[in-house]
N, C-alpha and C. Protein backbone atom coordinates (compact mmCIF):
# COMPACT_ATOMS: atom_id res chain seq x y z
N MET A 1 30.18 62.29 -79.81
CA MET A 1 30.65 61.61 -81.01
C MET A 1 29.47 61.02 -81.78
N ASP A 2 28.53 60.37 -81.06
CA ASP A 2 27.35 59.82 -81.73
C ASP A 2 26.42 60.99 -82.00
N THR A 3 26.13 61.25 -83.25
CA THR A 3 25.35 62.42 -83.58
C THR A 3 23.88 62.12 -83.79
N ASP A 4 23.55 61.39 -84.81
CA ASP A 4 22.16 61.15 -85.15
C ASP A 4 21.65 59.87 -84.51
N PRO A 5 20.40 59.89 -83.98
CA PRO A 5 19.83 58.64 -83.47
C PRO A 5 19.58 57.67 -84.61
N LEU A 6 19.53 56.40 -84.28
CA LEU A 6 19.30 55.37 -85.28
C LEU A 6 17.81 55.26 -85.60
N SER A 7 17.51 54.94 -86.86
CA SER A 7 16.13 54.66 -87.24
C SER A 7 15.74 53.29 -86.69
N SER A 8 14.48 52.96 -86.76
CA SER A 8 13.99 51.66 -86.30
C SER A 8 14.67 50.52 -87.06
N SER A 9 14.81 50.67 -88.36
CA SER A 9 15.45 49.60 -89.15
C SER A 9 16.94 49.49 -88.82
N GLU A 10 17.60 50.62 -88.55
CA GLU A 10 19.01 50.57 -88.15
C GLU A 10 19.17 49.92 -86.77
N MET A 11 18.21 50.17 -85.87
CA MET A 11 18.23 49.53 -84.54
C MET A 11 18.13 48.01 -84.69
N THR A 12 17.20 47.58 -85.53
CA THR A 12 17.03 46.14 -85.76
C THR A 12 18.29 45.54 -86.36
N ARG A 13 18.86 46.22 -87.33
CA ARG A 13 20.09 45.75 -87.98
C ARG A 13 21.23 45.66 -86.97
N LEU A 14 21.36 46.67 -86.09
CA LEU A 14 22.39 46.66 -85.07
C LEU A 14 22.15 45.52 -84.07
N SER A 15 20.91 45.31 -83.68
CA SER A 15 20.58 44.23 -82.76
C SER A 15 20.99 42.88 -83.34
N ARG A 16 20.71 42.68 -84.61
CA ARG A 16 21.08 41.42 -85.27
C ARG A 16 22.60 41.25 -85.36
N MET A 17 23.28 42.35 -85.66
CA MET A 17 24.75 42.27 -85.73
C MET A 17 25.35 41.96 -84.37
N LEU A 18 24.82 42.60 -83.32
CA LEU A 18 25.35 42.32 -81.98
C LEU A 18 25.03 40.90 -81.55
N ALA A 19 23.87 40.37 -81.95
CA ALA A 19 23.55 38.98 -81.65
C ALA A 19 24.57 38.06 -82.32
N LEU A 20 24.90 38.34 -83.56
CA LEU A 20 25.91 37.54 -84.26
C LEU A 20 27.25 37.61 -83.54
N ILE A 21 27.68 38.81 -83.20
CA ILE A 21 28.99 39.00 -82.57
C ILE A 21 29.03 38.44 -81.15
N LEU A 22 28.03 38.75 -80.34
CA LEU A 22 28.07 38.41 -78.92
C LEU A 22 27.55 37.01 -78.59
N ARG A 23 26.81 36.39 -79.53
CA ARG A 23 26.29 35.05 -79.29
C ARG A 23 27.03 33.97 -80.06
N HIS A 24 27.48 34.30 -81.27
CA HIS A 24 27.94 33.25 -82.17
C HIS A 24 29.35 33.42 -82.72
N LYS A 25 29.67 34.61 -83.23
CA LYS A 25 30.94 34.79 -83.94
C LYS A 25 31.60 36.11 -83.58
N PRO A 26 32.24 36.20 -82.42
CA PRO A 26 32.92 37.45 -82.07
C PRO A 26 34.04 37.81 -83.05
N GLU A 27 34.58 36.78 -83.72
CA GLU A 27 35.65 37.03 -84.69
C GLU A 27 35.16 37.89 -85.86
N THR A 28 33.85 37.97 -86.07
CA THR A 28 33.30 38.83 -87.11
C THR A 28 33.76 40.27 -86.92
N ALA A 29 33.87 40.67 -85.65
CA ALA A 29 34.31 42.03 -85.33
C ALA A 29 35.75 42.04 -84.83
N GLY A 30 36.42 40.90 -84.89
CA GLY A 30 37.81 40.83 -84.44
C GLY A 30 37.96 41.02 -82.94
N ILE A 31 37.00 40.53 -82.17
CA ILE A 31 37.05 40.69 -80.72
C ILE A 31 37.05 39.33 -80.04
N GLU A 32 37.38 39.34 -78.75
CA GLU A 32 37.29 38.15 -77.91
C GLU A 32 36.42 38.49 -76.72
N LEU A 33 35.57 37.55 -76.34
CA LEU A 33 34.70 37.72 -75.18
C LEU A 33 35.36 37.09 -73.96
N ASP A 34 35.04 37.63 -72.77
CA ASP A 34 35.57 37.01 -71.56
C ASP A 34 34.75 35.76 -71.23
N GLU A 35 35.06 35.09 -70.13
CA GLU A 35 34.41 33.82 -69.79
C GLU A 35 32.91 33.95 -69.55
N ARG A 36 32.43 35.16 -69.29
CA ARG A 36 31.00 35.39 -69.09
C ARG A 36 30.34 35.94 -70.36
N GLY A 37 31.12 36.01 -71.45
CA GLY A 37 30.58 36.46 -72.72
C GLY A 37 30.54 37.97 -72.86
N ALA A 38 31.28 38.68 -72.02
CA ALA A 38 31.25 40.15 -72.04
C ALA A 38 32.47 40.72 -72.75
N ILE A 39 32.30 41.96 -73.19
CA ILE A 39 33.39 42.73 -73.79
C ILE A 39 33.22 44.18 -73.39
N ASP A 40 34.32 44.89 -73.35
CA ASP A 40 34.30 46.31 -73.06
C ASP A 40 33.41 47.03 -74.08
N LEU A 41 32.49 47.84 -73.59
CA LEU A 41 31.53 48.52 -74.46
C LEU A 41 32.22 49.43 -75.47
N ASP A 42 33.21 50.18 -75.02
CA ASP A 42 33.94 51.07 -75.93
C ASP A 42 34.72 50.27 -76.96
N GLY A 43 35.28 49.14 -76.53
CA GLY A 43 36.01 48.28 -77.46
C GLY A 43 35.11 47.71 -78.54
N LEU A 44 33.88 47.35 -78.15
CA LEU A 44 32.93 46.85 -79.13
C LEU A 44 32.54 47.95 -80.11
N ALA A 45 32.27 49.15 -79.60
CA ALA A 45 31.92 50.28 -80.48
C ALA A 45 33.06 50.56 -81.46
N ASP A 46 34.29 50.54 -80.97
CA ASP A 46 35.44 50.79 -81.84
C ASP A 46 35.57 49.69 -82.90
N ALA A 47 35.35 48.43 -82.48
CA ALA A 47 35.45 47.32 -83.43
C ALA A 47 34.37 47.43 -84.51
N LEU A 48 33.15 47.80 -84.11
CA LEU A 48 32.09 47.98 -85.10
C LEU A 48 32.42 49.10 -86.07
N ALA A 49 32.93 50.20 -85.55
CA ALA A 49 33.25 51.36 -86.39
C ALA A 49 34.33 51.05 -87.42
N GLU A 50 35.09 50.00 -87.19
CA GLU A 50 36.11 49.56 -88.14
C GLU A 50 35.54 48.67 -89.24
N MET A 51 34.31 48.22 -89.06
CA MET A 51 33.70 47.30 -90.03
C MET A 51 32.97 48.09 -91.11
N SER A 52 33.06 47.61 -92.32
CA SER A 52 32.41 48.25 -93.46
C SER A 52 30.89 48.30 -93.24
N GLY A 53 30.33 49.47 -93.41
CA GLY A 53 28.91 49.66 -93.25
C GLY A 53 28.47 50.01 -91.84
N TRP A 54 29.41 50.00 -90.91
CA TRP A 54 29.10 50.29 -89.51
C TRP A 54 29.90 51.48 -88.98
N GLU A 55 30.53 52.20 -89.84
CA GLU A 55 31.42 53.30 -89.42
C GLU A 55 30.69 54.36 -88.59
N PHE A 56 29.41 54.50 -88.78
CA PHE A 56 28.63 55.54 -88.10
C PHE A 56 28.21 55.15 -86.68
N ILE A 57 28.43 53.89 -86.29
CA ILE A 57 27.97 53.40 -84.99
C ILE A 57 28.94 53.81 -83.90
N GLY A 58 28.37 54.30 -82.81
CA GLY A 58 29.15 54.66 -81.64
C GLY A 58 28.57 54.04 -80.39
N ARG A 59 29.24 54.26 -79.30
CA ARG A 59 28.84 53.71 -77.99
C ARG A 59 27.41 54.07 -77.64
N ASP A 60 27.02 55.31 -77.83
CA ASP A 60 25.67 55.76 -77.47
C ASP A 60 24.61 55.05 -78.31
N HIS A 61 24.92 54.74 -79.56
CA HIS A 61 23.99 53.99 -80.40
C HIS A 61 23.74 52.59 -79.81
N ILE A 62 24.81 51.95 -79.36
CA ILE A 62 24.68 50.61 -78.78
C ILE A 62 23.83 50.67 -77.51
N ILE A 63 24.12 51.62 -76.65
CA ILE A 63 23.35 51.76 -75.40
C ILE A 63 21.89 52.03 -75.72
N ASP A 64 21.63 52.92 -76.66
CA ASP A 64 20.25 53.25 -77.04
C ASP A 64 19.52 52.02 -77.59
N MET A 65 20.21 51.25 -78.42
CA MET A 65 19.59 50.05 -78.98
C MET A 65 19.25 49.06 -77.88
N VAL A 66 20.16 48.83 -76.94
CA VAL A 66 19.90 47.89 -75.85
C VAL A 66 18.71 48.36 -75.02
N GLU A 67 18.67 49.63 -74.71
CA GLU A 67 17.57 50.17 -73.89
C GLU A 67 16.24 50.20 -74.64
N THR A 68 16.28 50.32 -75.95
CA THR A 68 15.06 50.44 -76.73
C THR A 68 14.51 49.10 -77.20
N VAL A 69 15.34 48.29 -77.81
CA VAL A 69 14.83 47.03 -78.39
C VAL A 69 15.56 45.79 -77.91
N GLY A 70 16.67 45.93 -77.25
CA GLY A 70 17.50 44.76 -76.97
C GLY A 70 17.62 44.36 -75.52
N GLN A 71 16.75 44.85 -74.64
CA GLN A 71 16.91 44.53 -73.22
C GLN A 71 16.83 43.05 -72.92
N ARG A 72 16.04 42.32 -73.67
CA ARG A 72 15.96 40.88 -73.41
C ARG A 72 17.20 40.15 -73.91
N ARG A 73 17.80 40.65 -74.97
CA ARG A 73 18.94 39.95 -75.58
C ARG A 73 20.28 40.31 -74.95
N PHE A 74 20.43 41.57 -74.54
CA PHE A 74 21.74 42.06 -74.12
C PHE A 74 21.67 42.70 -72.74
N ALA A 75 22.82 42.70 -72.07
CA ALA A 75 22.94 43.35 -70.77
C ALA A 75 24.18 44.23 -70.78
N ILE A 76 24.02 45.43 -70.27
CA ILE A 76 25.15 46.35 -70.11
C ILE A 76 25.42 46.49 -68.63
N ASP A 77 26.67 46.34 -68.25
CA ASP A 77 27.09 46.57 -66.86
C ASP A 77 27.77 47.93 -66.84
N PRO A 78 27.07 48.97 -66.34
CA PRO A 78 27.64 50.31 -66.39
C PRO A 78 28.90 50.47 -65.53
N GLU A 79 28.97 49.73 -64.42
CA GLU A 79 30.16 49.83 -63.56
C GLU A 79 31.40 49.27 -64.25
N ALA A 80 31.25 48.13 -64.89
CA ALA A 80 32.38 47.50 -65.58
C ALA A 80 32.54 48.02 -67.00
N ASN A 81 31.52 48.77 -67.50
CA ASN A 81 31.51 49.28 -68.87
C ASN A 81 31.61 48.15 -69.89
N THR A 82 30.80 47.09 -69.64
CA THR A 82 30.81 45.94 -70.54
C THR A 82 29.40 45.67 -71.08
N ILE A 83 29.35 44.91 -72.14
CA ILE A 83 28.11 44.45 -72.74
C ILE A 83 28.25 42.96 -73.02
N ARG A 84 27.12 42.24 -72.91
CA ARG A 84 27.12 40.81 -73.22
C ARG A 84 25.74 40.41 -73.71
N ALA A 85 25.67 39.30 -74.44
CA ALA A 85 24.40 38.68 -74.75
C ALA A 85 23.97 37.91 -73.51
N ARG A 86 22.70 37.98 -73.17
CA ARG A 86 22.20 37.31 -71.97
C ARG A 86 22.15 35.80 -72.13
N TYR A 87 21.83 35.31 -73.33
CA TYR A 87 21.67 33.88 -73.58
C TYR A 87 21.70 33.65 -75.08
N GLY A 88 21.63 32.38 -75.49
CA GLY A 88 21.56 32.03 -76.91
C GLY A 88 22.91 31.77 -77.55
N HIS A 89 23.94 31.57 -76.76
CA HIS A 89 25.28 31.39 -77.30
C HIS A 89 25.47 30.04 -77.99
N SER A 90 26.22 30.07 -79.07
CA SER A 90 26.63 28.83 -79.75
C SER A 90 28.15 28.78 -79.88
N LEU A 91 28.84 29.56 -79.10
CA LEU A 91 30.30 29.61 -79.13
C LEU A 91 30.89 28.27 -78.70
N LYS A 92 32.10 27.98 -79.15
CA LYS A 92 32.77 26.75 -78.75
C LYS A 92 33.13 26.77 -77.27
N ARG A 93 33.55 27.94 -76.78
CA ARG A 93 33.92 28.09 -75.36
C ARG A 93 32.67 28.37 -74.55
N LEU A 94 32.46 27.59 -73.50
CA LEU A 94 31.26 27.70 -72.68
C LEU A 94 31.21 29.04 -71.94
N ILE A 95 30.07 29.71 -72.04
CA ILE A 95 29.83 30.94 -71.31
C ILE A 95 29.39 30.56 -69.90
N LYS A 96 29.95 31.21 -68.90
CA LYS A 96 29.66 30.88 -67.50
C LYS A 96 28.57 31.78 -66.93
N TYR A 97 27.69 31.14 -66.16
CA TYR A 97 26.63 31.82 -65.43
C TYR A 97 26.71 31.36 -63.97
N ASP A 98 26.15 32.15 -63.08
CA ASP A 98 26.07 31.76 -61.68
C ASP A 98 24.79 30.96 -61.46
N PRO A 99 24.91 29.73 -60.92
CA PRO A 99 23.72 28.94 -60.68
C PRO A 99 22.86 29.55 -59.57
N ALA A 100 21.56 29.26 -59.64
CA ALA A 100 20.62 29.74 -58.62
C ALA A 100 19.48 28.74 -58.51
N GLU A 101 18.71 28.87 -57.44
CA GLU A 101 17.54 28.01 -57.26
C GLU A 101 16.44 28.51 -58.20
N PRO A 102 15.95 27.63 -59.07
CA PRO A 102 14.94 28.05 -60.04
C PRO A 102 13.54 28.12 -59.42
N PRO A 103 12.60 28.71 -60.15
CA PRO A 103 11.21 28.61 -59.72
C PRO A 103 10.78 27.14 -59.71
N GLU A 104 9.67 26.85 -59.06
CA GLU A 104 9.20 25.46 -58.97
C GLU A 104 8.94 24.86 -60.34
N LYS A 105 8.33 25.64 -61.23
CA LYS A 105 8.02 25.19 -62.59
C LYS A 105 8.64 26.14 -63.59
N LEU A 106 9.12 25.58 -64.69
CA LEU A 106 9.57 26.37 -65.84
C LEU A 106 8.88 25.78 -67.06
N TYR A 107 8.92 26.52 -68.17
CA TYR A 107 8.14 26.14 -69.35
C TYR A 107 8.99 26.22 -70.62
N HIS A 108 8.57 25.43 -71.61
CA HIS A 108 9.25 25.43 -72.90
C HIS A 108 8.21 25.34 -74.00
N GLY A 109 8.23 26.26 -74.94
CA GLY A 109 7.30 26.26 -76.07
C GLY A 109 7.96 25.71 -77.31
N SER A 110 7.25 24.84 -78.01
CA SER A 110 7.83 24.18 -79.18
C SER A 110 6.73 23.74 -80.13
N GLU A 111 7.13 23.34 -81.33
CA GLU A 111 6.20 22.74 -82.28
C GLU A 111 5.76 21.38 -81.72
N TYR A 112 4.56 20.95 -82.07
CA TYR A 112 4.02 19.71 -81.50
C TYR A 112 4.88 18.49 -81.81
N ASP A 113 5.36 18.36 -83.04
CA ASP A 113 6.17 17.17 -83.36
C ASP A 113 7.50 17.20 -82.61
N VAL A 114 8.07 18.37 -82.44
CA VAL A 114 9.31 18.50 -81.68
C VAL A 114 9.04 18.19 -80.20
N ALA A 115 7.91 18.69 -79.68
CA ALA A 115 7.54 18.43 -78.29
C ALA A 115 7.41 16.93 -78.03
N GLU A 116 6.85 16.20 -78.99
CA GLU A 116 6.72 14.74 -78.84
C GLU A 116 8.09 14.10 -78.72
N ASN A 117 9.06 14.56 -79.51
CA ASN A 117 10.42 14.03 -79.41
C ASN A 117 11.07 14.41 -78.08
N ILE A 118 10.80 15.61 -77.60
CA ILE A 118 11.35 16.05 -76.31
C ILE A 118 10.83 15.15 -75.18
N LEU A 119 9.55 14.76 -75.25
CA LEU A 119 8.99 13.88 -74.22
C LEU A 119 9.65 12.50 -74.24
N ILE A 120 10.24 12.12 -75.37
CA ILE A 120 10.94 10.84 -75.48
C ILE A 120 12.42 10.98 -75.13
N ASP A 121 13.06 12.03 -75.65
CA ASP A 121 14.52 12.17 -75.54
C ASP A 121 15.00 13.19 -74.51
N GLY A 122 14.09 14.02 -73.99
CA GLY A 122 14.49 15.09 -73.09
C GLY A 122 14.83 16.35 -73.86
N LEU A 123 15.05 17.42 -73.14
CA LEU A 123 15.40 18.70 -73.76
C LEU A 123 16.91 18.82 -73.87
N GLN A 124 17.39 19.10 -75.07
CA GLN A 124 18.82 19.27 -75.35
C GLN A 124 19.04 20.67 -75.90
N PRO A 125 20.26 21.20 -75.81
CA PRO A 125 20.52 22.57 -76.27
C PRO A 125 20.35 22.80 -77.77
N MET A 126 20.45 21.78 -78.59
CA MET A 126 20.21 21.90 -80.03
C MET A 126 21.01 23.02 -80.69
N GLY A 127 22.31 22.95 -80.61
CA GLY A 127 23.17 23.94 -81.27
C GLY A 127 23.50 25.14 -80.41
N ARG A 128 22.88 25.26 -79.28
CA ARG A 128 23.20 26.32 -78.31
C ARG A 128 23.97 25.69 -77.16
N GLN A 129 24.45 26.53 -76.27
CA GLN A 129 25.17 26.00 -75.12
C GLN A 129 24.24 25.48 -74.03
N TYR A 130 23.06 26.05 -73.94
CA TYR A 130 22.13 25.71 -72.88
C TYR A 130 20.71 25.55 -73.43
N VAL A 131 19.90 24.82 -72.70
CA VAL A 131 18.46 24.75 -72.94
C VAL A 131 17.86 26.04 -72.38
N HIS A 132 16.94 26.65 -73.13
CA HIS A 132 16.28 27.88 -72.69
C HIS A 132 14.89 27.55 -72.17
N LEU A 133 14.60 27.99 -70.96
CA LEU A 133 13.31 27.76 -70.33
C LEU A 133 12.71 29.09 -69.91
N SER A 134 11.38 29.14 -69.85
CA SER A 134 10.67 30.38 -69.53
C SER A 134 10.01 30.28 -68.16
N VAL A 135 9.83 31.42 -67.52
CA VAL A 135 9.21 31.44 -66.20
C VAL A 135 7.69 31.36 -66.24
N SER A 136 7.11 31.56 -67.42
CA SER A 136 5.65 31.53 -67.51
C SER A 136 5.22 30.86 -68.81
N GLU A 137 3.99 30.38 -68.81
CA GLU A 137 3.43 29.80 -70.01
C GLU A 137 3.34 30.83 -71.13
N ARG A 138 3.04 32.08 -70.76
CA ARG A 138 2.92 33.15 -71.75
C ARG A 138 4.23 33.36 -72.49
N VAL A 139 5.33 33.44 -71.76
CA VAL A 139 6.64 33.64 -72.39
C VAL A 139 6.99 32.43 -73.25
N ALA A 140 6.71 31.22 -72.75
CA ALA A 140 6.98 30.01 -73.54
C ALA A 140 6.14 30.01 -74.82
N PHE A 141 4.90 30.45 -74.71
CA PHE A 141 4.03 30.52 -75.88
C PHE A 141 4.58 31.52 -76.89
N ASP A 142 5.00 32.70 -76.40
CA ASP A 142 5.56 33.72 -77.29
C ASP A 142 6.80 33.21 -78.01
N ILE A 143 7.66 32.52 -77.30
CA ILE A 143 8.89 31.99 -77.91
C ILE A 143 8.54 30.87 -78.89
N GLY A 144 7.65 29.97 -78.50
CA GLY A 144 7.24 28.89 -79.40
C GLY A 144 6.53 29.40 -80.64
N SER A 145 5.86 30.55 -80.50
CA SER A 145 5.13 31.14 -81.63
C SER A 145 6.04 31.65 -82.73
N ARG A 146 7.32 31.71 -82.48
CA ARG A 146 8.27 32.11 -83.53
C ARG A 146 8.36 31.06 -84.62
N ARG A 147 8.02 29.80 -84.27
CA ARG A 147 8.13 28.70 -85.23
C ARG A 147 6.79 28.12 -85.67
N THR A 148 5.75 28.35 -84.88
CA THR A 148 4.43 27.79 -85.21
C THR A 148 3.34 28.67 -84.62
N ASP A 149 2.17 28.64 -85.24
CA ASP A 149 1.06 29.46 -84.75
C ASP A 149 0.45 28.94 -83.46
N ASP A 150 0.60 27.65 -83.21
CA ASP A 150 -0.02 27.04 -82.03
C ASP A 150 1.01 26.13 -81.35
N PRO A 151 1.92 26.72 -80.57
CA PRO A 151 2.97 25.90 -79.97
C PRO A 151 2.47 25.00 -78.84
N ALA A 152 3.14 23.87 -78.69
CA ALA A 152 2.93 23.00 -77.55
C ALA A 152 3.72 23.58 -76.38
N ILE A 153 3.15 23.55 -75.19
CA ILE A 153 3.83 24.05 -74.01
C ILE A 153 4.18 22.87 -73.12
N LEU A 154 5.45 22.75 -72.81
CA LEU A 154 5.93 21.71 -71.90
C LEU A 154 6.21 22.33 -70.54
N VAL A 155 5.88 21.58 -69.49
CA VAL A 155 6.09 22.04 -68.12
C VAL A 155 7.28 21.27 -67.56
N ILE A 156 8.21 22.00 -66.99
CA ILE A 156 9.42 21.42 -66.42
C ILE A 156 9.33 21.49 -64.90
N ASP A 157 9.49 20.35 -64.24
CA ASP A 157 9.51 20.33 -62.78
C ASP A 157 10.92 20.73 -62.33
N ALA A 158 11.15 22.04 -62.37
CA ALA A 158 12.49 22.57 -62.08
C ALA A 158 12.89 22.32 -60.63
N LYS A 159 11.92 22.36 -59.74
CA LYS A 159 12.23 22.14 -58.33
C LYS A 159 12.80 20.74 -58.13
N ALA A 160 12.14 19.72 -58.66
CA ALA A 160 12.62 18.34 -58.53
C ALA A 160 13.97 18.16 -59.23
N ALA A 161 14.10 18.72 -60.42
CA ALA A 161 15.36 18.61 -61.15
C ALA A 161 16.50 19.25 -60.37
N HIS A 162 16.24 20.42 -59.80
CA HIS A 162 17.25 21.12 -59.00
C HIS A 162 17.60 20.30 -57.76
N GLU A 163 16.59 19.75 -57.10
CA GLU A 163 16.84 18.92 -55.92
C GLU A 163 17.65 17.68 -56.26
N ASP A 164 17.53 17.21 -57.50
CA ASP A 164 18.30 16.05 -57.96
C ASP A 164 19.68 16.43 -58.51
N GLY A 165 20.04 17.70 -58.43
CA GLY A 165 21.39 18.11 -58.79
C GLY A 165 21.56 18.85 -60.10
N LEU A 166 20.49 19.05 -60.89
CA LEU A 166 20.62 19.83 -62.12
C LEU A 166 20.85 21.29 -61.76
N LEU A 167 21.75 21.93 -62.47
CA LEU A 167 22.03 23.34 -62.23
C LEU A 167 21.20 24.19 -63.16
N PHE A 168 20.66 25.27 -62.63
CA PHE A 168 19.87 26.23 -63.38
C PHE A 168 20.51 27.60 -63.24
N TYR A 169 20.43 28.39 -64.30
CA TYR A 169 21.08 29.69 -64.34
C TYR A 169 20.07 30.75 -64.81
N PRO A 170 19.86 31.80 -64.03
CA PRO A 170 18.97 32.86 -64.52
C PRO A 170 19.69 33.70 -65.57
N ALA A 171 19.09 33.82 -66.76
CA ALA A 171 19.65 34.65 -67.83
C ALA A 171 19.00 36.02 -67.83
N THR A 172 17.69 36.05 -67.61
CA THR A 172 16.92 37.29 -67.48
C THR A 172 15.84 37.03 -66.44
N ASP A 173 14.97 38.00 -66.24
CA ASP A 173 13.84 37.79 -65.33
C ASP A 173 12.88 36.74 -65.87
N GLU A 174 12.91 36.50 -67.18
CA GLU A 174 11.95 35.59 -67.80
C GLU A 174 12.56 34.31 -68.35
N ILE A 175 13.88 34.26 -68.49
CA ILE A 175 14.55 33.10 -69.11
C ILE A 175 15.56 32.48 -68.14
N TRP A 176 15.47 31.16 -68.01
CA TRP A 176 16.43 30.38 -67.24
C TRP A 176 17.12 29.40 -68.19
N LEU A 177 18.35 29.05 -67.85
CA LEU A 177 19.15 28.13 -68.66
C LEU A 177 19.54 26.92 -67.84
N THR A 178 19.72 25.80 -68.52
CA THR A 178 20.27 24.59 -67.92
C THR A 178 20.91 23.80 -69.05
N GLU A 179 21.77 22.84 -68.71
CA GLU A 179 22.48 22.11 -69.75
C GLU A 179 21.60 21.12 -70.49
N GLU A 180 20.66 20.49 -69.80
CA GLU A 180 19.71 19.57 -70.41
C GLU A 180 18.61 19.30 -69.40
N VAL A 181 17.50 18.75 -69.88
CA VAL A 181 16.42 18.36 -68.98
C VAL A 181 15.99 16.94 -69.36
N PRO A 182 16.25 15.97 -68.48
CA PRO A 182 15.80 14.60 -68.74
C PRO A 182 14.27 14.51 -68.77
N THR A 183 13.77 13.50 -69.45
CA THR A 183 12.33 13.36 -69.66
C THR A 183 11.53 13.24 -68.36
N ARG A 184 12.12 12.70 -67.32
CA ARG A 184 11.36 12.50 -66.08
C ARG A 184 10.89 13.80 -65.43
N TYR A 185 11.46 14.93 -65.87
CA TYR A 185 11.05 16.23 -65.32
C TYR A 185 10.13 17.01 -66.26
N ILE A 186 9.72 16.39 -67.36
CA ILE A 186 8.96 17.10 -68.40
C ILE A 186 7.58 16.47 -68.57
N LYS A 187 6.57 17.31 -68.69
CA LYS A 187 5.24 16.84 -69.06
C LYS A 187 4.58 17.88 -69.94
N ARG A 188 3.59 17.45 -70.69
CA ARG A 188 2.82 18.41 -71.49
C ARG A 188 2.00 19.27 -70.57
N GLN A 189 1.66 20.44 -71.03
CA GLN A 189 0.87 21.37 -70.24
C GLN A 189 -0.45 20.76 -69.78
N ASP A 190 -1.02 19.89 -70.62
CA ASP A 190 -2.32 19.31 -70.29
C ASP A 190 -2.20 18.18 -69.27
N GLY A 191 -0.96 17.85 -68.86
CA GLY A 191 -0.75 16.84 -67.82
C GLY A 191 -0.41 15.48 -68.37
N ASP A 192 -0.57 15.24 -69.67
CA ASP A 192 -0.20 13.95 -70.25
C ASP A 192 1.30 13.77 -70.20
N GLU A 193 1.77 12.60 -69.89
CA GLU A 193 3.21 12.39 -69.81
C GLU A 193 3.71 11.40 -70.85
N GLU A 194 2.93 11.15 -71.87
CA GLU A 194 3.35 10.21 -72.90
C GLU A 194 4.34 10.85 -73.84
């Protein structure tokens, strides 16, 4: 059914549309997500094909996009034939993840003025369902670089936070989620705790 492969710009456009549908507004495509944020892959393809400007999209296009440009954002479960956004949800209904023991340290990249506020107030989801943390300074730097050329890197004592009862959820190999991080578990990369 899917005939022509998508161009690079069409892949990007599809990735953005799926982010909108699977992270923020499933009603855009007239669909409902399950408690883990997943939907039947064929159902999503059918819903997209009903939308103006997306009639040419099929299941294979979605799979190709996820494998090519969207592996960090989306996950396909071939056994269940479902697709979901891995993280970044702002839906009213909380998306469920399985908690796990986090790495000893996690990282968060941010603008310097925002980082200063985080050191005072802690890390909050800020319009998302969860706080996003990275497994390495490099990933935190890359994410922080989306907003500034020289991001501040905050170090999270995930081990201590976990031992004190905070739940952490692996979203990808590089991204972990939690509901919030109090200031006592956060320090600047350079070791200053002010």
